Protein backbone atom coordinates (compact mmCIF):
# COMPACT_ATOMS: atom_id res chain seq x y z
CA UNK A 1 30.17 164.57 185.07
CA UNK A 2 28.08 166.93 187.07
CA UNK A 3 28.18 167.79 190.75
CA UNK A 4 27.56 165.22 193.46
CA UNK A 5 24.06 164.87 194.96
CA UNK A 6 23.02 161.94 197.08
CA UNK A 7 20.01 160.02 195.67
CA UNK A 8 16.76 161.46 197.23
CA UNK A 9 15.79 157.99 198.51
CA UNK A 10 19.00 157.84 200.57
CA UNK A 11 18.50 161.33 201.89
CA UNK A 12 14.88 160.55 202.83
CA UNK A 13 15.83 157.38 204.72
CA UNK A 14 18.87 158.71 206.61
CA UNK A 15 20.53 161.57 208.45
CA UNK A 16 23.83 163.19 207.58
CA UNK A 17 26.69 162.40 209.97
CA UNK A 18 29.84 163.85 208.34
CA UNK A 19 31.90 164.08 205.20
CA UNK A 20 34.80 161.62 205.00
CA UNK A 21 37.64 162.07 202.52
CA UNK A 22 35.69 160.22 199.79
CA UNK A 23 32.22 159.54 201.12
CA UNK A 24 29.26 161.22 202.59
CA UNK A 25 28.42 159.38 205.77
CA UNK A 26 24.82 158.92 206.73
CA UNK A 27 22.87 157.24 209.55
CA UNK A 28 19.96 155.11 208.49
CA UNK A 29 16.75 156.13 210.25
CA UNK A 30 16.03 152.76 211.81
CA UNK A 31 16.83 152.63 215.50
CA UNK A 32 16.58 148.78 215.51
CA UNK A 33 19.98 148.42 213.84
CA UNK A 34 23.16 150.52 214.05
CA UNK A 35 23.37 151.27 210.31
CA UNK A 36 25.52 153.60 208.35
CA UNK A 37 25.64 154.30 204.66
CA UNK A 38 28.71 155.59 202.82
CA UNK A 39 28.09 157.39 199.57
CA UNK A 40 31.20 158.14 197.43
CA UNK A 41 31.00 161.73 196.29
CA UNK A 42 31.43 160.83 192.63
CA UNK A 43 28.54 161.78 190.30
CA UNK A 44 27.04 159.26 187.96
CA UNK A 45 28.80 156.21 189.67
CA UNK A 46 26.61 153.17 190.28
CA UNK A 47 29.21 150.31 190.23
CA UNK A 48 32.40 149.78 192.30
CA UNK A 49 34.41 149.25 189.08
CA UNK A 50 33.43 152.72 187.88
CA UNK A 51 35.65 154.18 190.64
CA UNK A 52 39.29 154.61 189.87
CA UNK A 53 41.60 152.28 191.78
CA UNK A 54 42.49 155.01 194.29
CA UNK A 55 38.87 155.65 195.07
CA UNK A 56 38.15 151.91 195.28
CA UNK A 57 40.85 151.56 197.87
CA UNK A 58 39.66 154.68 199.79
CA UNK A 59 36.01 153.44 199.85
CA UNK A 60 37.10 150.08 201.31
CA UNK A 61 39.31 151.86 203.87
CA UNK A 62 36.54 154.20 205.00
CA UNK A 63 33.95 151.34 205.14
CA UNK A 64 36.15 149.06 207.17
CA UNK A 65 37.46 151.74 209.62
CA UNK A 66 34.02 153.23 210.12
CA UNK A 67 32.55 149.75 210.47
CA UNK A 68 35.13 148.57 213.05
CA UNK A 69 34.42 151.75 215.05
CA UNK A 70 30.68 151.23 214.96
CA UNK A 71 31.01 147.61 215.83
CA UNK A 72 32.94 148.53 218.95
CA UNK A 73 30.67 151.43 219.82
CA UNK A 74 27.60 149.15 219.69
CA UNK A 75 29.22 146.12 221.09
CA UNK A 76 27.90 144.04 218.14
CA UNK A 77 28.35 140.35 217.33
CA UNK A 78 28.83 140.80 213.56
CA UNK A 79 29.50 143.57 211.13
CA UNK A 80 27.72 143.41 207.72
CA UNK A 81 29.14 145.48 204.79
CA UNK A 82 27.33 145.40 201.51
CA UNK A 83 26.70 147.30 198.28
CA UNK A 84 23.42 146.10 196.67
CA UNK A 85 21.99 148.93 194.55
CA UNK A 86 18.83 147.16 193.50
CA UNK A 87 16.50 149.96 194.77
CA UNK A 88 18.96 152.91 194.59
CA UNK A 89 21.47 152.67 191.67
CA UNK A 90 23.82 155.27 193.05
CA UNK A 91 26.84 153.60 194.49
CA UNK A 92 26.53 153.36 198.26
CA UNK A 93 27.83 150.93 200.90
CA UNK A 94 25.81 149.80 203.86
CA UNK A 95 27.65 149.22 207.15
CA UNK A 96 25.34 147.44 209.71
CA UNK A 97 26.17 146.13 213.16
CA UNK A 98 24.23 142.97 213.98
CA UNK A 99 23.45 141.49 217.42
CA UNK A 100 22.50 137.90 217.91
CA UNK A 101 18.76 138.07 218.61
CA UNK A 102 18.17 141.47 216.91
CA UNK A 103 14.82 141.90 215.05
CA UNK A 104 16.17 140.35 211.87
CA UNK A 105 18.79 137.91 213.18
CA UNK A 106 20.17 135.88 211.39
CA UNK A 107 18.63 137.14 208.18
CA UNK A 108 19.29 140.39 206.36
CA UNK A 109 18.00 143.72 207.68
CA UNK A 110 16.60 144.76 204.35
CA UNK A 111 12.85 144.48 204.11
CA UNK A 112 12.53 143.09 207.65
CA UNK A 113 9.60 144.63 209.49
CA UNK A 114 8.96 148.29 209.61
CA UNK A 115 11.75 150.81 210.41
CA UNK A 116 11.61 152.36 213.89
CA UNK A 117 12.70 156.00 213.41
CA UNK A 118 15.11 157.60 215.89
CA UNK A 119 13.60 160.09 218.26
CA UNK A 120 15.50 163.37 218.31
CA UNK A 121 17.42 162.68 221.51
CA UNK A 122 18.57 159.24 220.36
CA UNK A 123 19.51 160.55 216.99
CA UNK A 124 21.54 163.35 218.50
CA UNK A 125 23.32 160.95 220.95
CA UNK A 126 24.12 158.41 218.19
CA UNK A 127 25.47 161.15 215.96
CA UNK A 128 27.61 162.64 218.74
CA UNK A 129 29.00 159.15 219.60
CA UNK A 130 29.80 158.48 215.96
CA UNK A 131 31.49 161.83 215.43
CA UNK A 132 33.63 161.35 218.54
CA UNK A 133 34.84 157.96 217.34
CA UNK A 134 35.29 158.94 213.72
CA UNK A 135 37.28 162.05 214.57
CA UNK A 136 40.01 159.72 216.02
CA UNK A 137 40.27 157.59 212.85
CA UNK A 138 42.95 157.94 210.23
CA UNK A 139 40.75 158.00 207.10
CA UNK A 140 43.18 159.82 204.81
């Protein structure tokens, strides 16, 4: 296996937030939805079963803890956690907070309308809020 690099499509559509014990955490550039992506730093992995059992458990732990924190931060109605991989084969997990009445409710956020990019101030504020919350989590 080579060194880890996030798929260019994920990098293009998101902003880095921080490095978790297993995953690179990124914020999707769509201000309509509080939406994070966790990318396990394991080269060549496209399926959950390709992770060893310890990494599988760690990925779920990181996704659920970060998701709970995001849900509370954004006062959402529902948390969606999914790993699709139809467009980007590299294993990654989407964590999306949903609000009743949001632009895509009750359907999926994928492919709904046109993304509304964050402006720099909103991006910085969201990243700061996320980092403050995540720094208090036990992710080890």
